[in-house]
Protein backbone atom coordinates (compact mmCIF):
# COMPACT_ATOMS: atom_id res chain seq x y z
CA MET A 1 101.54 113.25 119.83
CA SER A 2 99.33 114.44 122.65
CA HIS A 3 100.48 114.80 126.35
CA ASP A 4 98.07 111.34 127.18
CA ALA A 5 100.36 107.86 125.62
CA ARG A 6 98.13 106.76 122.74
CA VAL A 7 97.69 103.39 121.95
CA ALA A 8 99.20 101.39 118.58
CA LEU A 9 98.32 98.23 117.71
CA VAL A 10 100.95 96.74 115.10
CA THR A 11 100.19 93.68 113.39
CA GLY A 12 103.51 92.15 111.54
CA GLY A 13 105.36 93.85 114.15
CA ALA A 14 108.34 91.47 115.41
CA ARG A 15 110.28 92.23 112.57
CA ARG A 16 111.48 93.75 109.57
CA VAL A 17 108.65 96.66 108.04
CA GLY A 18 106.76 95.98 111.04
CA ARG A 19 109.42 96.48 113.86
CA ALA A 20 110.48 99.77 112.11
CA ILE A 21 107.42 100.33 112.59
CA ALA A 22 106.72 99.52 116.24
CA LEU A 23 109.78 101.02 117.36
CA GLU A 24 108.96 104.44 115.60
CA LEU A 25 105.61 105.04 117.10
CA ALA A 26 107.27 104.13 120.37
CA ARG A 27 110.29 107.12 120.11
CA ALA A 28 106.89 109.53 119.38
CA GLY A 29 105.20 108.83 122.26
CA CYS A 30 102.94 105.38 121.89
CA ASP A 31 102.28 102.04 123.89
CA ILE A 32 102.61 99.31 121.63
CA ALA A 33 100.64 95.81 120.85
CA LEU A 34 102.91 94.06 119.11
CA HIS A 35 101.06 91.09 117.11
CA TYR A 36 102.83 88.63 115.77
CA SER A 37 102.42 84.83 114.60
CA THR A 38 105.10 82.85 114.70
CA SER A 39 108.46 85.20 114.64
CA ALA A 40 108.03 85.13 118.77
CA GLU A 41 111.40 85.46 119.41
CA ASP A 42 111.56 88.38 117.12
CA ALA A 43 108.63 89.49 119.22
CA ARG A 44 110.10 89.00 122.03
CA GLN A 45 113.49 91.63 122.02
CA THR A 46 111.68 93.66 119.58
CA ALA A 47 108.97 94.27 122.88
CA LEU A 48 112.38 94.91 124.81
CA ASP A 49 113.68 97.26 122.51
CA ILE A 50 110.12 98.93 122.92
CA ARG A 51 110.47 99.11 126.19
CA SER A 52 113.55 100.20 126.53
CA LEU A 53 112.60 103.55 125.49
CA GLY A 54 110.66 103.92 128.27
CA ARG A 55 106.97 103.13 126.74
CA ARG A 56 104.71 99.99 127.57
CA CYS A 57 104.38 96.69 124.47
CA GLU A 58 102.24 93.85 125.65
CA THR A 59 102.67 91.31 122.41
CA PHE A 60 100.46 89.10 120.57
CA GLN A 61 100.46 86.11 119.07
CA MET A 62 97.16 84.80 116.52
CA ASP A 63 97.12 83.45 113.14
CA LEU A 64 95.16 85.72 110.84
CA LEU A 65 94.13 82.57 109.23
CA GLY A 66 92.34 80.42 109.40
CA GLY A 67 90.09 80.33 112.79
CA PHE A 68 90.74 84.34 113.48
CA GLU A 69 88.51 86.49 115.35
CA PRO A 70 89.64 90.50 114.81
CA ARG A 71 87.43 91.99 117.46
CA ALA A 72 88.86 89.56 120.09
CA LEU A 73 92.70 90.82 119.02
CA ILE A 74 90.98 94.51 119.40
CA GLN A 75 89.88 93.62 122.79
CA GLN A 76 92.72 92.18 124.20
CA ALA A 77 95.41 95.05 123.21
CA ALA A 78 92.84 97.15 124.86
CA VAL A 79 92.67 96.07 127.64
CA LYS A 80 96.13 94.76 128.31
CA LEU A 81 97.29 98.77 127.71
CA GLY A 82 93.80 100.39 128.35
CA GLY A 83 91.99 101.58 125.17
CA LEU A 84 92.94 102.09 121.32
CA ASP A 85 94.27 104.73 118.91
CA ILE A 86 96.10 104.16 116.34
CA LEU A 87 95.61 100.36 114.01
CA VAL A 88 98.63 99.78 111.69
CA ASN A 89 98.10 96.87 109.19
CA ASN A 90 101.20 95.59 108.24
CA ALA A 91 101.38 91.65 107.96
CA ALA A 92 101.47 90.66 104.55
CA VAL A 93 101.58 87.60 102.51
CA PHE A 94 104.52 87.98 99.85
CA GLU A 95 104.69 85.04 97.68
CA THR A 96 104.45 84.04 93.53
CA ASP A 97 101.60 82.75 93.11
CA GLY A 98 101.87 80.82 89.99
CA SER A 99 100.33 83.34 87.77
CA THR A 100 102.20 82.90 84.75
CA ASP A 101 105.80 81.16 84.43
CA ALA A 102 108.89 80.75 81.96
CA ASP A 103 107.63 77.64 79.85
CA SER A 104 103.73 79.13 79.47
CA PRO A 105 103.66 83.20 80.35
CA LYS A 106 100.16 83.82 79.52
CA THR A 107 98.19 81.18 81.67
CA GLY A 108 100.58 78.99 84.09
CA ASP A 109 99.13 77.23 87.12
CA TRP A 110 96.04 78.22 89.42
CA ASN A 111 95.77 77.32 93.00
CA SER A 112 92.49 78.89 94.88
CA ALA A 113 93.92 77.47 97.53
CA THR A 114 97.11 80.00 97.55
CA TRP A 115 94.35 82.92 96.36
CA GLU A 116 92.22 82.35 99.78
CA ARG A 117 95.25 82.40 102.21
CA ILE A 118 96.89 85.83 100.68
CA PHE A 119 93.91 87.11 100.16
CA ARG A 120 92.73 86.18 104.00
CA VAL A 121 95.73 87.73 105.69
CA ASN A 122 95.86 90.78 103.30
CA ALA A 123 92.68 91.64 102.62
CA ILE A 124 90.32 89.94 105.01
CA ALA A 125 91.77 90.56 108.10
CA PRO A 126 92.41 93.87 108.19
CA ALA A 127 89.02 94.65 106.64
CA GLY A 128 88.01 92.86 110.12
CA LEU A 129 90.88 94.79 112.37
CA CYS A 130 89.34 98.00 111.12
CA TRP A 131 86.06 97.51 111.55
CA ALA A 132 86.81 96.38 115.55
CA ALA A 133 88.94 98.81 115.55
CA ALA A 134 87.15 101.47 114.77
CA GLU A 135 84.51 100.96 117.38
CA ALA A 136 87.42 100.63 120.01
CA MET A 137 88.33 104.45 118.51
CA HIS A 138 84.58 105.25 118.45
CA ALA A 139 84.64 104.85 122.31
CA ARG A 140 87.62 107.01 122.64
CA GLY A 141 85.98 110.02 120.12
CA ARG A 142 89.68 109.93 117.65
CA GLY A 143 91.45 106.86 115.84
CA LYS A 144 93.75 106.75 112.74
CA ILE A 145 94.19 104.03 110.92
CA ILE A 146 97.08 102.94 108.67
CA ASN A 147 96.91 100.18 106.03
CA LEU A 148 100.39 99.05 104.39
CA CYS A 149 99.44 99.11 100.47
CA ASP A 150 101.84 98.60 97.78
CA ILE A 151 102.70 100.55 94.95
CA CYS A 152 102.27 96.91 92.67
CA THR A 153 98.85 97.95 92.67
CA GLU A 154 99.27 100.34 89.87
CA ARG A 155 102.41 98.06 88.70
CA PRO A 156 101.08 94.87 88.46
CA TRP A 157 103.93 91.77 88.31
CA THR A 158 102.88 89.05 86.42
CA ASN A 159 103.52 86.50 88.94
CA TYR A 160 102.97 87.68 91.79
CA LEU A 161 98.89 88.85 90.76
CA ALA A 162 97.14 87.26 94.24
CA TYR A 163 99.39 89.67 96.31
CA GLY A 164 98.60 92.58 93.75
CA ALA A 165 95.35 92.10 93.45
CA SER A 166 94.98 91.59 97.94
CA LYS A 167 96.56 94.69 97.73
CA ALA A 168 94.12 96.81 95.74
CA ALA A 169 91.31 95.88 97.97
CA LEU A 170 93.12 96.72 100.74
CA ALA A 171 93.18 99.96 98.95
CA CYS A 172 89.36 100.00 97.79
CA LEU A 173 89.08 99.32 101.31
CA THR A 174 91.57 102.21 102.89
CA ARG A 175 89.02 104.71 101.08
CA GLY A 176 86.44 103.36 101.63
CA LEU A 177 86.56 103.32 104.84
CA ALA A 178 88.34 106.86 104.99
CA ARG A 179 84.59 108.43 104.06
CA SER A 180 82.42 106.16 106.38
CA LEU A 181 84.26 106.31 109.35
CA ALA A 182 84.57 109.99 109.06
CA PRO A 183 84.90 113.09 110.90
CA ARG A 184 85.86 111.40 114.17
CA ILE A 185 88.40 108.03 112.42
CA GLN A 186 90.84 109.09 109.79
CA VAL A 187 92.31 106.54 107.46
CA ASN A 188 95.08 106.57 105.50
CA GLY A 189 97.67 104.13 103.93
CA VAL A 190 101.00 103.83 102.43
CA ALA A 191 102.29 101.94 99.36
CA PRO A 192 106.45 101.03 99.80
CA GLY A 193 108.00 99.80 96.31
CA ILE A 194 111.20 99.00 97.37
CA ALA A 195 111.28 98.91 101.71
CA GLU A 196 113.25 95.64 102.12
CA PHE A 197 113.72 92.80 99.53
CA PRO A 198 112.86 89.27 100.37
CA GLU A 199 115.19 87.35 101.46
CA GLU A 200 115.46 85.15 98.78
CA PHE A 201 116.11 87.69 96.30
CA GLU A 202 119.55 87.20 94.77
CA GLN A 203 121.67 89.87 94.25
CA ASN A 204 121.56 90.44 91.08
CA ARG A 205 117.29 90.96 90.43
CA ARG A 206 118.09 93.12 93.62
CA GLU A 207 120.67 94.93 92.17
CA ALA A 208 118.32 94.98 88.06
CA LEU A 209 114.94 96.61 90.39
CA THR A 210 116.73 98.76 92.14
CA LYS A 211 118.13 100.14 88.22
CA ARG A 212 114.16 101.21 87.38
CA VAL A 213 114.38 103.49 90.62
CA PRO A 214 114.80 106.77 90.04
CA MET A 215 116.70 107.61 93.13
CA GLN A 216 118.91 104.71 92.45
CA ARG A 217 118.42 103.11 95.60
CA ALA A 218 116.12 101.13 97.69
CA GLY A 219 114.50 101.95 100.26
CA SER A 220 114.24 100.85 103.72
CA PRO A 221 112.00 100.59 106.96
CA GLU A 222 112.54 102.90 108.60
CA ASP A 223 111.10 105.37 105.51
CA ILE A 224 108.05 103.30 105.50
CA ALA A 225 107.88 103.94 109.55
CA ARG A 226 108.54 107.11 109.48
CA THR A 227 105.77 108.17 106.56
CA VAL A 228 103.82 105.82 108.71
CA ARG A 229 104.25 108.44 111.80
CA PHE A 230 103.53 111.44 110.29
CA LEU A 231 100.20 110.14 109.33
CA VAL A 232 99.51 109.40 112.68
CA GLU A 233 101.47 112.59 114.45
CA GLY A 234 100.07 114.89 110.93
CA PRO A 235 97.05 116.75 110.16
CA ASP A 236 93.71 115.57 111.08
CA TYR A 237 92.26 116.51 107.67
CA ILE A 238 94.50 114.04 105.68
CA THR A 239 92.24 110.81 105.56
CA GLY A 240 91.07 108.60 102.45
CA GLN A 241 94.95 108.90 101.18
CA ILE A 242 97.09 106.74 100.18
CA ILE A 243 101.67 108.10 99.94
CA ALA A 244 103.60 105.91 97.94
CA VAL A 245 107.03 105.75 99.78
CA ASP A 246 108.93 104.33 96.85
CA GLY A 247 112.23 106.56 94.94
CA GLY A 248 110.02 107.24 92.08
CA ARG A 249 109.52 104.09 90.70
CA SER A 250 105.29 104.18 90.24
CA ILE A 251 106.10 107.38 88.09
CA ALA A 252 109.15 105.55 86.32
CA TRP A 253 108.61 104.44 82.72
């Protein structure tokens, strides 16, 4: 990290993986624009923890669904913190879409509202933020964009097809923007495997999923956060890459 503090916007940064990323970038010397949707108290606590590290942190509440204006969030963050150097698109919706079910495994139910909601948060909002952030970054002559993808784009879960398809769109966006925004802006992705189990997953399901991982353990939010930090601090010659952080799950049969 340079001597001048960089400003990083982390979406969904109040809790879980987003919180870990925000804290890790603060430790790396970044000032943090912390976006959240509904987790106001978690955002307040994360901001306090960032400030305790000696970094500035401003919080921004915005719903990434209907009426979301990407340029407004980018501009607010830049005005409050004096610019924008790093965008981490972490916020996401992870939920089943009813693509299959136990009674009708080949058909299931299809709900357009579910697909539209998942795509708006996981693909459309990040796309808008990438475009808006690129404008701010070009003004500073540099920038790094990191999108949180998922290994399910290569190993789809049949009852999470909307989620997987939205993350596949994000992966495509990542590679495409890496070409169009070079050479000043680098765009990369991080594809977690098991970083942090959804709270509703029961223990037996967690154990069954972990057994499929060559490393024989789940990952952690900190594993993802340290990878994001590497892409922020690492060589500018890395762009258009999506790094799997999955304990080897993506190469296992």
